[in-house]
Amino acid sequence: MLVDSHCHLDFETFTPELDAVVERARASGVRTCVSIGTKLEKFAGVRAVAEHYSDVWCSVGIHPHEAEKELLDSPQILIDHAKHPKVVGIGETGLDYYYEHSPREQQIVNFRHHIAAARETGLPLIVHTRDADDDTIRVLNEEMARGPFTGLLHCFTGTQRLADAALELGLSISVSGIATFKNSGPLRDVLKTVPEDRLLVETDAPYLAPVPHRGKRNEPAFVVHTAAMLAGLKGLTPDELARVTTDNFFRLFSKVSRPA
């Protein structure tokens, strides 16, 4: 069994054939998916998908791109939504200085409120970070000093320094299809250093389809290709990698019911 720890099943590209997408995931051995919130105004749709499928769960959060449009003044709305039985994570949140669709300071404000919600609820924080290593490390360190929380860096594409900082804080690293790309050698070198008990796999579907589907719309079934690459990288069999990453997922996302 595998878990797709990060996908976006509420996106319109999946709507016409969502049942088929979920069935293909199951047929591929993907028994659990987490559909990730990116906007509060769209959260009802994220939650509805999770409510419809027994093996789909969800998170609540505001992507850093949306920080200007959905600037928080407290973590309370996230905490309130997290009471729903299908909400199992806080985010995605974090900092994206590559596109800078929202001002940096507003991204940081939202990031801190999401961390506060993760701390309060005990749910894992789902961190998006791109071209923002210094501020990401600074905020995570400052907030961890205020009180512990759990979480992961999703779709990790960062530096060794970022990985080391996250691991030092007790966070996990989630690997997407980017790691299968031909030009991702430096990323694979970093992933070799990540302990097996801190690794998860994801698709970030509909984005970032792994080789051999690169350039196509991604979907949860394709996480098997990322897992196969990661198994070879870590010197594990595919079954061993599946068992390790699945155990890691359920330890971190402890609110999720593990399939029989």
Protein backbone atom coordinates (compact mmCIF):
# COMPACT_ATOMS: atom_id res chain seq x y z
CA MET A 1 0.00 0.00 0.00
CA LEU A 2 1.05 3.57 -0.75
CA VAL A 3 -0.24 6.96 0.38
CA ASP A 4 -0.48 10.11 -1.72
CA SER A 5 0.15 12.60 1.07
CA HIS A 6 -0.54 15.71 -1.03
CA CYS A 7 -2.89 16.17 -3.98
CA HIS A 8 -5.66 18.56 -5.04
CA LEU A 9 -8.69 16.44 -5.91
CA ASP A 10 -11.08 19.38 -5.68
CA PHE A 11 -9.52 21.07 -8.72
CA GLU A 12 -11.79 21.37 -11.74
CA THR A 13 -9.53 19.28 -13.94
CA PHE A 14 -10.60 16.21 -11.93
CA THR A 15 -14.31 16.98 -11.64
CA PRO A 16 -15.55 15.16 -14.78
CA GLU A 17 -13.88 11.86 -13.82
CA LEU A 18 -13.10 12.02 -10.12
CA ASP A 19 -14.58 8.58 -9.43
CA ALA A 20 -12.31 7.09 -12.09
CA VAL A 21 -9.26 8.94 -10.72
CA VAL A 22 -9.88 7.56 -7.24
CA GLU A 23 -10.47 4.05 -8.62
CA ARG A 24 -7.20 4.16 -10.58
CA ALA A 25 -5.40 5.16 -7.40
CA ARG A 26 -6.88 2.22 -5.53
CA ALA A 27 -6.01 -0.17 -8.37
CA SER A 28 -2.40 1.06 -8.18
CA GLY A 29 -2.21 0.30 -4.46
CA VAL A 30 -2.72 3.89 -3.32
CA ARG A 31 -5.10 3.34 -0.42
CA THR A 32 -5.11 6.80 1.15
CA CYS A 33 -4.99 10.33 -0.29
CA VAL A 34 -4.90 13.75 1.37
CA SER A 35 -6.52 16.50 -0.69
CA ILE A 36 -4.94 19.81 0.28
CA GLY A 37 -6.63 23.13 0.98
CA THR A 38 -5.20 26.24 -0.70
CA LYS A 39 -7.98 28.84 -0.21
CA LEU A 40 -10.53 29.24 2.55
CA GLU A 41 -13.10 30.36 -0.01
CA LYS A 42 -12.73 26.96 -1.72
CA PHE A 43 -12.45 24.87 1.44
CA ALA A 44 -16.05 23.61 1.30
CA GLY A 45 -15.22 21.89 -1.98
CA VAL A 46 -12.06 20.33 -0.55
CA ARG A 47 -14.01 19.03 2.42
CA ALA A 48 -16.82 17.69 0.22
CA VAL A 49 -14.41 15.50 -1.75
CA ALA A 50 -13.01 14.06 1.48
CA GLU A 51 -16.50 13.43 2.81
CA HIS A 52 -17.47 11.58 -0.38
CA TYR A 53 -14.64 9.00 -0.36
CA SER A 54 -13.73 6.86 2.63
CA ASP A 55 -10.02 6.82 1.68
CA VAL A 56 -9.67 10.56 0.94
CA TRP A 57 -8.91 13.04 3.73
CA CYS A 58 -8.15 16.75 3.57
CA SER A 59 -6.37 19.73 5.07
CA VAL A 60 -7.36 23.33 5.63
CA GLY A 61 -5.06 26.19 4.73
CA ILE A 62 -4.12 29.19 2.63
CA HIS A 63 -1.37 28.84 0.04
CA PRO A 64 1.26 31.60 0.25
CA HIS A 65 0.13 32.79 -3.19
CA GLU A 66 -3.25 33.64 -1.62
CA ALA A 67 -1.96 35.46 1.49
CA GLU A 68 -2.86 38.93 0.24
CA LYS A 69 -6.42 37.92 -0.64
CA GLU A 70 -6.93 35.82 2.49
CA LEU A 71 -4.83 37.50 5.18
CA LEU A 72 -5.49 36.02 8.63
CA ASP A 73 -5.68 38.02 11.85
CA SER A 74 -5.67 34.90 14.04
CA PRO A 75 -5.48 31.11 13.67
CA GLN A 76 -9.04 30.60 14.92
CA ILE A 77 -10.79 29.92 11.61
CA LEU A 78 -8.24 27.21 10.84
CA ILE A 79 -8.71 25.70 14.30
CA ASP A 80 -12.48 25.72 13.86
CA HIS A 81 -12.34 23.97 10.47
CA ALA A 82 -9.86 21.43 11.86
CA LYS A 83 -12.57 20.07 14.17
CA HIS A 84 -14.15 18.30 11.21
CA PRO A 85 -13.37 14.56 11.34
CA LYS A 86 -11.96 14.51 7.81
CA VAL A 87 -9.56 17.45 8.31
CA VAL A 88 -6.18 15.92 9.16
CA GLY A 89 -3.61 18.66 8.48
CA ILE A 90 -3.02 22.43 8.53
CA GLY A 91 -1.93 23.99 5.25
CA GLU A 92 -0.61 24.19 2.77
CA THR A 93 1.12 27.27 4.04
CA GLY A 94 4.59 28.74 3.91
CA LEU A 95 6.63 31.10 1.78
CA ASP A 96 7.01 31.40 -1.98
CA TYR A 97 9.48 34.05 -3.08
CA TYR A 98 9.79 32.67 -6.62
CA TYR A 99 6.48 34.06 -7.88
CA GLU A 100 5.71 36.47 -5.02
CA HIS A 101 2.00 36.60 -5.83
CA SER A 102 1.56 38.00 -2.30
CA PRO A 103 3.82 40.36 -0.33
CA ARG A 104 6.43 38.56 1.75
CA GLU A 105 5.34 40.02 5.06
CA GLN A 106 1.76 38.89 4.51
CA GLN A 107 2.99 35.40 3.65
CA ILE A 108 4.94 35.34 6.93
CA VAL A 109 1.90 36.51 8.93
CA ASN A 110 -0.23 33.70 7.52
CA PHE A 111 2.59 31.18 7.98
CA ARG A 112 2.79 32.00 11.69
CA HIS A 113 -0.99 31.73 12.15
CA HIS A 114 -0.98 28.31 10.46
CA ILE A 115 1.80 27.18 12.79
CA ALA A 116 -0.24 28.37 15.76
CA ALA A 117 -3.20 26.35 14.47
CA ALA A 118 -1.02 23.27 14.06
CA ARG A 119 0.30 23.72 17.59
CA GLU A 120 -3.20 24.15 19.02
CA THR A 121 -4.84 21.25 17.15
CA GLY A 122 -1.91 18.82 17.18
CA LEU A 123 -2.35 18.32 13.43
CA PRO A 124 0.71 18.33 11.16
CA LEU A 125 1.74 21.53 9.38
CA ILE A 126 2.05 21.21 5.59
CA VAL A 127 4.76 23.62 4.43
CA HIS A 128 5.25 24.97 0.91
CA THR A 129 8.58 26.76 0.50
CA ARG A 130 10.26 27.98 -2.68
CA ASP A 131 13.26 30.29 -2.96
CA ALA A 132 12.69 31.29 0.67
CA ASP A 133 15.10 29.12 2.65
CA ASP A 134 16.34 31.81 5.03
CA ASP A 135 12.94 33.06 6.13
CA THR A 136 11.43 29.56 6.20
CA ILE A 137 14.18 28.33 8.52
CA ARG A 138 13.95 31.47 10.66
CA VAL A 139 10.18 31.31 11.11
CA LEU A 140 10.17 27.56 11.81
CA ASN A 141 12.92 27.94 14.41
CA GLU A 142 11.26 30.92 16.09
CA GLU A 143 7.88 29.22 16.22
CA MET A 144 9.25 25.89 17.44
CA ALA A 145 10.87 27.80 20.32
CA ARG A 146 7.40 29.08 21.26
CA GLY A 147 5.99 25.55 21.47
CA PRO A 148 6.30 22.26 19.60
CA PHE A 149 4.39 21.27 16.49
CA THR A 150 4.70 18.54 13.88
CA GLY A 151 4.74 18.75 10.11
CA LEU A 152 6.52 18.29 6.82
CA LEU A 153 8.05 20.16 3.93
CA HIS A 154 5.91 19.12 0.99
CA CYS A 155 7.18 18.68 -2.58
CA PHE A 156 10.71 19.17 -1.32
CA THR A 157 13.04 20.80 -3.86
CA GLY A 158 15.28 22.68 -1.47
CA THR A 159 18.89 22.74 -0.41
CA GLN A 160 20.78 20.48 1.94
CA ARG A 161 20.72 23.32 4.47
CA LEU A 162 16.92 23.50 4.35
CA ALA A 163 16.57 19.73 4.68
CA ASP A 164 18.98 19.62 7.61
CA ALA A 165 17.16 22.47 9.37
CA ALA A 166 13.78 20.78 8.93
CA LEU A 167 15.09 17.44 10.16
CA GLU A 168 16.70 19.09 13.17
CA LEU A 169 13.27 20.46 14.11
CA GLY A 170 11.72 17.00 13.83
CA LEU A 171 9.90 17.68 10.56
CA SER A 172 9.53 15.24 7.69
CA ILE A 173 10.30 15.54 3.97
CA SER A 174 7.76 14.71 1.26
CA VAL A 175 9.00 13.72 -2.20
CA SER A 176 7.13 14.54 -5.42
CA GLY A 177 7.54 13.65 -9.07
CA ILE A 178 10.13 16.41 -9.48
CA ALA A 179 12.67 14.01 -7.99
CA THR A 180 12.23 11.71 -11.00
CA PHE A 181 13.16 14.41 -13.53
CA LYS A 182 16.45 13.99 -15.39
CA ASN A 183 17.82 17.35 -14.21
CA SER A 184 17.02 16.70 -10.53
CA GLY A 185 20.34 15.08 -9.65
CA PRO A 186 21.18 17.66 -6.94
CA LEU A 187 17.77 17.09 -5.34
CA ARG A 188 18.28 13.33 -5.34
CA ASP A 189 21.64 13.86 -3.64
CA VAL A 190 19.88 15.69 -0.81
CA LEU A 191 17.19 13.00 -0.56
CA LYS A 192 19.88 10.35 -0.11
CA THR A 193 20.75 12.00 3.21
CA VAL A 194 17.20 12.05 4.60
CA PRO A 195 16.57 9.26 7.13
CA GLU A 196 14.08 6.66 5.95
CA ASP A 197 11.78 7.36 8.90
CA ARG A 198 11.30 10.99 7.77
CA LEU A 199 10.25 10.36 4.15
CA LEU A 200 6.78 10.58 2.60
CA VAL A 201 5.69 10.49 -1.04
CA GLU A 202 3.15 12.63 -2.86
CA THR A 203 1.97 13.69 -6.30
CA ASP A 204 0.88 17.33 -5.85
CA ALA A 205 -1.62 16.32 -8.55
CA PRO A 206 -2.66 17.67 -10.96
CA TYR A 207 0.85 19.18 -11.14
CA LEU A 208 4.32 17.69 -11.57
CA ALA A 209 3.60 14.28 -13.06
CA PRO A 210 6.61 11.98 -12.58
CA VAL A 211 8.55 10.25 -15.32
CA PRO A 212 7.22 8.41 -17.39
CA HIS A 213 4.14 10.68 -17.37
CA ARG A 214 5.97 14.01 -17.27
CA GLY A 215 4.03 16.71 -19.09
CA LYS A 216 0.67 15.03 -18.52
CA ARG A 217 -1.92 15.80 -15.87
CA ASN A 218 -0.79 14.16 -12.67
CA GLU A 219 -3.04 11.96 -10.51
CA PRO A 220 -2.64 9.95 -7.29
CA ALA A 221 -2.04 6.63 -9.09
CA PHE A 222 1.23 8.06 -10.44
CA VAL A 223 2.80 8.23 -6.97
CA VAL A 224 3.96 4.66 -7.61
CA HIS A 225 6.60 6.01 -10.00
CA THR A 226 8.00 8.47 -7.48
CA ALA A 227 8.04 5.69 -4.87
CA ALA A 228 9.90 3.35 -7.24
CA MET A 229 12.57 5.97 -7.90
CA LEU A 230 12.92 6.70 -4.20
CA ALA A 231 13.23 3.01 -3.39
CA GLY A 232 16.18 2.69 -5.77
CA LEU A 233 17.76 5.84 -4.39
CA LYS A 234 17.54 4.53 -0.81
CA GLY A 235 18.55 0.95 -1.63
CA LEU A 236 15.14 -0.47 -0.73
CA THR A 237 12.74 -2.75 -2.55
CA PRO A 238 9.49 -1.11 -3.69
CA ASP A 239 7.61 -3.03 -1.00
CA GLU A 240 10.04 -1.85 1.68
CA LEU A 241 9.76 1.75 0.54
CA ALA A 242 5.97 1.52 0.48
CA ARG A 243 5.90 0.13 4.00
CA VAL A 244 8.32 2.75 5.36
CA THR A 245 6.64 5.79 3.81
CA THR A 246 3.16 4.52 4.68
CA ASP A 247 4.15 3.95 8.31
CA ASN A 248 5.71 7.42 8.38
CA PHE A 249 2.51 8.93 7.03
CA PHE A 250 0.22 7.35 9.59
CA ARG A 251 2.58 8.24 12.42
CA LEU A 252 2.54 11.91 11.33
CA PHE A 253 -1.09 12.12 10.21
CA SER A 254 -2.37 10.34 13.28
CA LYS A 255 -5.96 11.47 12.78
CA VAL A 256 -6.24 9.38 9.58
CA SER A 257 -7.80 5.93 9.93
CA ARG A 258 -5.47 3.29 8.53
CA PRO A 259 -7.18 0.93 6.04
CA ALA A 260 -7.54 -2.67 7.22
